[in-house]
Amino acid sequence: MKGCRPLSDQEADSIMESFGGQYSARDQAVFALGRYTGERISAILQLKVGDVVQGGRIMDAVTYRRANRKGKTESRTVTLHPKAKKALAAWINQLAKGTILTADDFVFRSRKGHSSRPISRVQYHRILKDAIQPNELTGKLATHAMRKTFAEAMRRHFKGDIFKIQKAMGHKNINSTVAYLSFNEEDIDQAIKGMS
């Protein structure tokens, strides 16, 4: 996480369009979940079909199970943004072609392991780097940039209300939330100069 920066909306949209190949729908779905739910990549990759599909339809919210989250202390349910839901539906529809999906199948399964294991976070890191590279973006960008992008969006939406941002991020400790937020030095300088 250290040094990783959030993406602007334009940068995130450009990256989303840069995923290519046979698994572009999968890679876009992972990215959309990271961007719009703010969950860590390891928890996203552990999602199973039963976590996101009910009655043949993509659910309106996704629950990241306690066992797959950092600290393993509690689950986290997040409403799905329409773009995340659309990307997830596109991947599930592609995944379901010619295959009977079960609730226990991994959504983001490894090509090598069929449905028995998900792709690794290291593999998704490589995939994301390949999508970032043609966009010539600067700064440290990795999978945690998706979570930082979500944090920044929540900061803007909640006008800096740190307690609401903490809740949105699923943090137990407020210090964890503060670590995610990017504080622009120019904003701080302006605030200091504007004091009476």
C-alpha atoms as a PDB file:
ATOM      1  CA  MET A   1       0.000   0.000   0.000  1.00  0.00           C
ATOM      2  CA  LYS A   2       2.788   2.431   0.870  1.00  0.00           C
ATOM      3  CA  GLY A   3       3.385   4.902  -1.906  1.00  0.00           C
ATOM      4  CA  CYS A   4       0.565   3.586  -4.065  1.00  0.00           C
ATOM      5  CA  ARG A   5      -1.620   6.397  -5.307  1.00  0.00           C
ATOM      6  CA  PRO A   6      -5.307   6.623  -6.200  1.00  0.00           C
ATOM      7  CA  LEU A   7      -6.385   6.805  -9.829  1.00  0.00           C
ATOM      8  CA  SER A   8      -8.367   9.665 -11.307  1.00  0.00           C
ATOM      9  CA  ASP A   9     -11.683   8.690 -12.899  1.00  0.00           C
ATOM     10  CA  GLN A  10     -10.167   9.211 -16.346  1.00  0.00           C
ATOM     11  CA  GLU A  11      -7.146   7.036 -15.518  1.00  0.00           C
ATOM     12  CA  ALA A  12      -9.356   4.274 -14.113  1.00  0.00           C
ATOM     13  CA  ASP A  13     -11.602   4.365 -17.199  1.00  0.00           C
ATOM     14  CA  SER A  14      -8.537   4.162 -19.473  1.00  0.00           C
ATOM     15  CA  ILE A  15      -7.177   1.162 -17.581  1.00  0.00           C
ATOM     16  CA  MET A  16     -10.586  -0.540 -17.753  1.00  0.00           C
ATOM     17  CA  GLU A  17     -10.524  -0.203 -21.546  1.00  0.00           C
ATOM     18  CA  SER A  18      -6.939  -1.509 -21.741  1.00  0.00           C
ATOM     19  CA  PHE A  19      -7.644  -5.057 -20.595  1.00  0.00           C
ATOM     20  CA  GLY A  20      -7.455  -7.337 -23.599  1.00  0.00           C
ATOM     21  CA  GLY A  21      -7.429 -10.919 -24.679  1.00  0.00           C
ATOM     22  CA  GLN A  22      -9.585 -13.904 -23.894  1.00  0.00           C
ATOM     23  CA  TYR A  23      -9.895 -12.976 -20.221  1.00  0.00           C
ATOM     24  CA  SER A  24     -10.561  -9.251 -20.590  1.00  0.00           C
ATOM     25  CA  ALA A  25     -14.073  -9.587 -19.125  1.00  0.00           C
ATOM     26  CA  ARG A  26     -12.630 -11.349 -16.071  1.00  0.00           C
ATOM     27  CA  ASP A  27      -9.887  -8.764 -15.618  1.00  0.00           C
ATOM     28  CA  GLN A  28     -12.354  -5.882 -16.009  1.00  0.00           C
ATOM     29  CA  ALA A  29     -14.666  -7.452 -13.414  1.00  0.00           C
ATOM     30  CA  VAL A  30     -11.833  -7.748 -10.877  1.00  0.00           C
ATOM     31  CA  PHE A  31     -10.792  -4.139 -11.522  1.00  0.00           C
ATOM     32  CA  ALA A  32     -14.377  -2.865 -11.268  1.00  0.00           C
ATOM     33  CA  LEU A  33     -14.887  -4.654  -7.945  1.00  0.00           C
ATOM     34  CA  GLY A  34     -11.649  -3.174  -6.609  1.00  0.00           C
ATOM     35  CA  ARG A  35     -12.534   0.312  -7.801  1.00  0.00           C
ATOM     36  CA  TYR A  36     -16.175   0.319  -6.722  1.00  0.00           C
ATOM     37  CA  THR A  37     -16.153  -1.803  -3.542  1.00  0.00           C
ATOM     38  CA  GLY A  38     -12.731  -0.874  -2.197  1.00  0.00           C
ATOM     39  CA  GLU A  39     -11.975  -4.409  -1.082  1.00  0.00           C
ATOM     40  CA  ARG A  40      -8.485  -5.863  -1.071  1.00  0.00           C
ATOM     41  CA  ILE A  41      -7.459  -7.899  -4.098  1.00  0.00           C
ATOM     42  CA  SER A  42      -7.014 -11.101  -2.067  1.00  0.00           C
ATOM     43  CA  ALA A  43     -10.656 -11.002  -0.883  1.00  0.00           C
ATOM     44  CA  ILE A  44     -11.969 -10.172  -4.371  1.00  0.00           C
ATOM     45  CA  LEU A  45     -10.173 -13.142  -5.894  1.00  0.00           C
ATOM     46  CA  GLN A  46     -11.639 -15.480  -3.251  1.00  0.00           C
ATOM     47  CA  LEU A  47     -15.235 -14.730  -4.294  1.00  0.00           C
ATOM     48  CA  LYS A  48     -17.291 -17.754  -5.222  1.00  0.00           C
ATOM     49  CA  VAL A  49     -20.240 -17.839  -7.600  1.00  0.00           C
ATOM     50  CA  GLY A  50     -22.632 -18.225  -4.652  1.00  0.00           C
ATOM     51  CA  ASP A  51     -21.291 -14.960  -3.206  1.00  0.00           C
ATOM     52  CA  VAL A  52     -22.425 -12.933  -6.227  1.00  0.00           C
ATOM     53  CA  VAL A  53     -25.176 -14.905  -7.992  1.00  0.00           C
ATOM     54  CA  GLN A  54     -28.572 -15.805  -6.593  1.00  0.00           C
ATOM     55  CA  GLY A  55     -31.450 -17.208  -8.609  1.00  0.00           C
ATOM     56  CA  GLY A  56     -29.424 -16.868 -11.787  1.00  0.00           C
ATOM     57  CA  ARG A  57     -28.906 -13.124 -11.315  1.00  0.00           C
ATOM     58  CA  ILE A  58     -26.068 -10.947 -10.058  1.00  0.00           C
ATOM     59  CA  MET A  59     -26.904  -9.734  -6.554  1.00  0.00           C
ATOM     60  CA  ASP A  60     -27.218  -6.043  -5.711  1.00  0.00           C
ATOM     61  CA  ALA A  61     -24.507  -6.352  -3.042  1.00  0.00           C
ATOM     62  CA  VAL A  62     -21.478  -8.526  -2.534  1.00  0.00           C
ATOM     63  CA  THR A  63     -20.399  -9.979   0.790  1.00  0.00           C
ATOM     64  CA  TYR A  64     -16.728 -10.572   1.296  1.00  0.00           C
ATOM     65  CA  ARG A  65     -16.522 -13.440   3.761  1.00  0.00           C
ATOM     66  CA  ARG A  66     -14.671 -13.008   7.030  1.00  0.00           C
ATOM     67  CA  ALA A  67     -12.287 -15.870   6.265  1.00  0.00           C
ATOM     68  CA  ASN A  68     -11.047 -14.065   3.146  1.00  0.00           C
ATOM     69  CA  ARG A  69     -10.563 -10.596   4.630  1.00  0.00           C
ATOM     70  CA  LYS A  70      -7.528  -9.130   6.339  1.00  0.00           C
ATOM     71  CA  GLY A  71      -7.680  -9.872  10.043  1.00  0.00           C
ATOM     72  CA  LYS A  72     -10.450 -12.433   9.451  1.00  0.00           C
ATOM     73  CA  THR A  73     -12.598 -10.743  12.119  1.00  0.00           C
ATOM     74  CA  GLU A  74     -15.752  -9.842  10.202  1.00  0.00           C
ATOM     75  CA  SER A  75     -17.460 -10.027   6.845  1.00  0.00           C
ATOM     76  CA  ARG A  76     -18.118  -6.905   4.791  1.00  0.00           C
ATOM     77  CA  THR A  77     -21.137  -6.354   2.558  1.00  0.00           C
ATOM     78  CA  VAL A  78     -20.921  -3.663  -0.111  1.00  0.00           C
ATOM     79  CA  THR A  79     -23.608  -2.467  -2.525  1.00  0.00           C
ATOM     80  CA  LEU A  80     -22.550  -3.070  -6.108  1.00  0.00           C
ATOM     81  CA  HIS A  81     -22.094   0.038  -8.239  1.00  0.00           C
ATOM     82  CA  PRO A  82     -23.921  -0.412 -11.594  1.00  0.00           C
ATOM     83  CA  LYS A  83     -20.585  -0.510 -13.480  1.00  0.00           C
ATOM     84  CA  ALA A  84     -19.221  -3.203 -11.168  1.00  0.00           C
ATOM     85  CA  LYS A  85     -22.437  -5.188 -11.478  1.00  0.00           C
ATOM     86  CA  LYS A  86     -22.344  -4.904 -15.285  1.00  0.00           C
ATOM     87  CA  ALA A  87     -18.693  -6.004 -15.469  1.00  0.00           C
ATOM     88  CA  LEU A  88     -19.350  -8.907 -13.104  1.00  0.00           C
ATOM     89  CA  ALA A  89     -22.409  -9.994 -15.126  1.00  0.00           C
ATOM     90  CA  ALA A  90     -20.402  -9.917 -18.375  1.00  0.00           C
ATOM     91  CA  TRP A  91     -17.756 -12.187 -16.842  1.00  0.00           C
ATOM     92  CA  ILE A  92     -20.233 -14.576 -15.226  1.00  0.00           C
ATOM     93  CA  ASN A  93     -22.124 -14.879 -18.535  1.00  0.00           C
ATOM     94  CA  GLN A  94     -18.869 -15.677 -20.357  1.00  0.00           C
ATOM     95  CA  LEU A  95     -17.817 -18.111 -17.640  1.00  0.00           C
ATOM     96  CA  ALA A  96     -21.174 -19.917 -17.764  1.00  0.00           C
ATOM     97  CA  LYS A  97     -21.004 -20.621 -21.512  1.00  0.00           C
ATOM     98  CA  GLY A  98     -20.650 -24.362 -21.963  1.00  0.00           C
ATOM     99  CA  THR A  99     -20.207 -24.905 -18.218  1.00  0.00           C
ATOM    100  CA  ILE A 100     -22.513 -25.565 -15.327  1.00  0.00           C
ATOM    101  CA  LEU A 101     -21.470 -23.227 -12.540  1.00  0.00           C
ATOM    102  CA  THR A 102     -21.907 -24.245  -8.934  1.00  0.00           C
ATOM    103  CA  ALA A 103     -22.107 -21.940  -5.933  1.00  0.00           C
ATOM    104  CA  ASP A 104     -18.679 -23.219  -4.800  1.00  0.00           C
ATOM    105  CA  ASP A 105     -16.849 -22.387  -8.044  1.00  0.00           C
ATOM    106  CA  PHE A 106     -14.435 -19.469  -7.843  1.00  0.00           C
ATOM    107  CA  VAL A 107     -15.608 -16.492  -9.887  1.00  0.00           C
ATOM    108  CA  PHE A 108     -12.057 -15.613 -10.894  1.00  0.00           C
ATOM    109  CA  ARG A 109     -10.749 -19.114 -11.379  1.00  0.00           C
ATOM    110  CA  SER A 110      -7.281 -19.948 -12.515  1.00  0.00           C
ATOM    111  CA  ARG A 111      -6.931 -21.234 -16.076  1.00  0.00           C
ATOM    112  CA  LYS A 112      -4.596 -23.930 -14.801  1.00  0.00           C
ATOM    113  CA  GLY A 113      -6.727 -25.128 -11.915  1.00  0.00           C
ATOM    114  CA  HIS A 114     -10.196 -25.005 -13.481  1.00  0.00           C
ATOM    115  CA  SER A 115     -12.642 -24.076 -10.721  1.00  0.00           C
ATOM    116  CA  SER A 116     -10.533 -25.519  -7.901  1.00  0.00           C
ATOM    117  CA  ARG A 117      -8.610 -22.307  -7.188  1.00  0.00           C
ATOM    118  CA  PRO A 118      -8.696 -18.618  -8.105  1.00  0.00           C
ATOM    119  CA  ILE A 119      -6.040 -16.678  -9.958  1.00  0.00           C
ATOM    120  CA  SER A 120      -3.388 -15.428  -7.578  1.00  0.00           C
ATOM    121  CA  ARG A 121      -2.991 -11.822  -6.492  1.00  0.00           C
ATOM    122  CA  VAL A 122       0.505 -11.909  -8.012  1.00  0.00           C
ATOM    123  CA  GLN A 123      -0.976 -12.963 -11.356  1.00  0.00           C
ATOM    124  CA  TYR A 124      -3.604 -10.204 -11.203  1.00  0.00           C
ATOM    125  CA  HIS A 125      -0.835  -7.723 -10.337  1.00  0.00           C
ATOM    126  CA  ARG A 126       0.880  -8.705 -13.614  1.00  0.00           C
ATOM    127  CA  ILE A 127      -2.386  -8.393 -15.533  1.00  0.00           C
ATOM    128  CA  LEU A 128      -3.033  -4.937 -14.078  1.00  0.00           C
ATOM    129  CA  LYS A 129       0.521  -3.776 -14.834  1.00  0.00           C
ATOM    130  CA  ASP A 130       0.006  -4.855 -18.470  1.00  0.00           C
ATOM    131  CA  ALA A 131      -3.173  -2.719 -18.621  1.00  0.00           C
ATOM    132  CA  ILE A 132      -1.511   0.279 -16.944  1.00  0.00           C
ATOM    133  CA  GLN A 133       1.609   0.264 -19.149  1.00  0.00           C
ATOM    134  CA  PRO A 134       0.060   1.481 -22.459  1.00  0.00           C
ATOM    135  CA  ASN A 135      -1.579   4.398 -20.630  1.00  0.00           C
ATOM    136  CA  GLU A 136       1.829   5.800 -19.624  1.00  0.00           C
ATOM    137  CA  LEU A 137       0.653   6.644 -16.107  1.00  0.00           C
ATOM    138  CA  THR A 138       3.165   7.884 -13.573  1.00  0.00           C
ATOM    139  CA  GLY A 139       3.549   7.105  -9.896  1.00  0.00           C
ATOM    140  CA  LYS A 140       3.356   3.809  -8.066  1.00  0.00           C
ATOM    141  CA  LEU A 141       0.345   1.898  -9.340  1.00  0.00           C
ATOM    142  CA  ALA A 142      -0.492  -1.632  -8.289  1.00  0.00           C
ATOM    143  CA  THR A 143      -3.554  -3.547  -7.144  1.00  0.00           C
ATOM    144  CA  HIS A 144      -3.839  -1.407  -4.014  1.00  0.00           C
ATOM    145  CA  ALA A 145      -4.447   1.636  -6.228  1.00  0.00           C
ATOM    146  CA  MET A 146      -7.984   0.271  -6.738  1.00  0.00           C
ATOM    147  CA  ARG A 147      -8.649   0.394  -2.989  1.00  0.00           C
ATOM    148  CA  LYS A 148      -7.053   3.839  -2.714  1.00  0.00           C
ATOM    149  CA  THR A 149      -9.222   5.036  -5.607  1.00  0.00           C
ATOM    150  CA  PHE A 150     -12.308   3.887  -3.699  1.00  0.00           C
ATOM    151  CA  ALA A 151     -11.086   5.639  -0.539  1.00  0.00           C
ATOM    152  CA  GLU A 152     -10.543   8.877  -2.462  1.00  0.00           C
ATOM    153  CA  ALA A 153     -14.037   8.646  -4.000  1.00  0.00           C
ATOM    154  CA  MET A 154     -15.521   8.158  -0.523  1.00  0.00           C
ATOM    155  CA  ARG A 155     -13.518  11.148   0.788  1.00  0.00           C
ATOM    156  CA  ARG A 156     -14.952  13.364  -1.951  1.00  0.00           C
ATOM    157  CA  HIS A 157     -18.485  12.039  -1.490  1.00  0.00           C
ATOM    158  CA  PHE A 158     -18.495  12.357   2.289  1.00  0.00           C
ATOM    159  CA  LYS A 159     -16.654  15.708   2.164  1.00  0.00           C
ATOM    160  CA  GLY A 160     -13.858  14.372   4.342  1.00  0.00           C
ATOM    161  CA  ASP A 161     -16.065  12.873   7.095  1.00  0.00           C
ATOM    162  CA  ILE A 162     -13.463  10.413   8.317  1.00  0.00           C
ATOM    163  CA  PHE A 163     -15.949   8.274  10.272  1.00  0.00           C
ATOM    164  CA  LYS A 164     -18.171   7.672   7.230  1.00  0.00           C
ATOM    165  CA  ILE A 165     -15.094   6.894   5.136  1.00  0.00           C
ATOM    166  CA  GLN A 166     -13.945   4.450   7.817  1.00  0.00           C
ATOM    167  CA  LYS A 167     -17.307   2.669   7.651  1.00  0.00           C
ATOM    168  CA  ALA A 168     -17.243   2.580   3.835  1.00  0.00           C
ATOM    169  CA  MET A 169     -13.736   1.104   3.865  1.00  0.00           C
ATOM    170  CA  GLY A 170     -14.606  -1.509   6.469  1.00  0.00           C
ATOM    171  CA  HIS A 171     -11.808  -0.410   8.802  1.00  0.00           C
ATOM    172  CA  LYS A 172     -11.933  -1.142  12.511  1.00  0.00           C
ATOM    173  CA  ASN A 173      -9.299   1.480  13.304  1.00  0.00           C
ATOM    174  CA  ILE A 174      -9.556   5.102  12.156  1.00  0.00           C
ATOM    175  CA  ASN A 175      -5.772   5.225  11.701  1.00  0.00           C
ATOM    176  CA  SER A 176      -6.087   2.652   8.912  1.00  0.00           C
ATOM    177  CA  THR A 177      -8.514   4.963   7.141  1.00  0.00           C
ATOM    178  CA  VAL A 178      -6.219   7.963   7.479  1.00  0.00           C
ATOM    179  CA  ALA A 179      -3.375   5.936   5.939  1.00  0.00           C
ATOM    180  CA  TYR A 180      -5.463   5.370   2.794  1.00  0.00           C
ATOM    181  CA  LEU A 181      -6.364   8.976   2.178  1.00  0.00           C
ATOM    182  CA  SER A 182      -4.205  11.135  -0.006  1.00  0.00           C
ATOM    183  CA  PHE A 183      -3.656  14.566   1.422  1.00  0.00           C
ATOM    184  CA  ASN A 184      -2.545  17.049  -1.198  1.00  0.00           C
ATOM    185  CA  GLU A 185       0.207  19.289   0.173  1.00  0.00           C
ATOM    186  CA  GLU A 186      -1.231  22.233  -1.775  1.00  0.00           C
ATOM    187  CA  ASP A 187      -4.586  21.755  -0.020  1.00  0.00           C
ATOM    188  CA  ILE A 188      -2.832  21.801   3.339  1.00  0.00           C
ATOM    189  CA  ASP A 189      -0.850  24.909   2.392  1.00  0.00           C
ATOM    190  CA  GLN A 190      -4.049  26.684   1.301  1.00  0.00           C
ATOM    191  CA  ALA A 191      -5.809  25.719   4.523  1.00  0.00           C
ATOM    192  CA  ILE A 192      -2.953  27.114   6.591  1.00  0.00           C
ATOM    193  CA  LYS A 193      -2.870  30.351   4.606  1.00  0.00           C
ATOM    194  CA  GLY A 194      -6.646  30.698   4.865  1.00  0.00           C
ATOM    195  CA  MET A 195      -6.693  30.513   8.684  1.00  0.00           C
ATOM    196  CA  SER A 196      -7.766  33.672  10.505  1.00  0.00           C
END
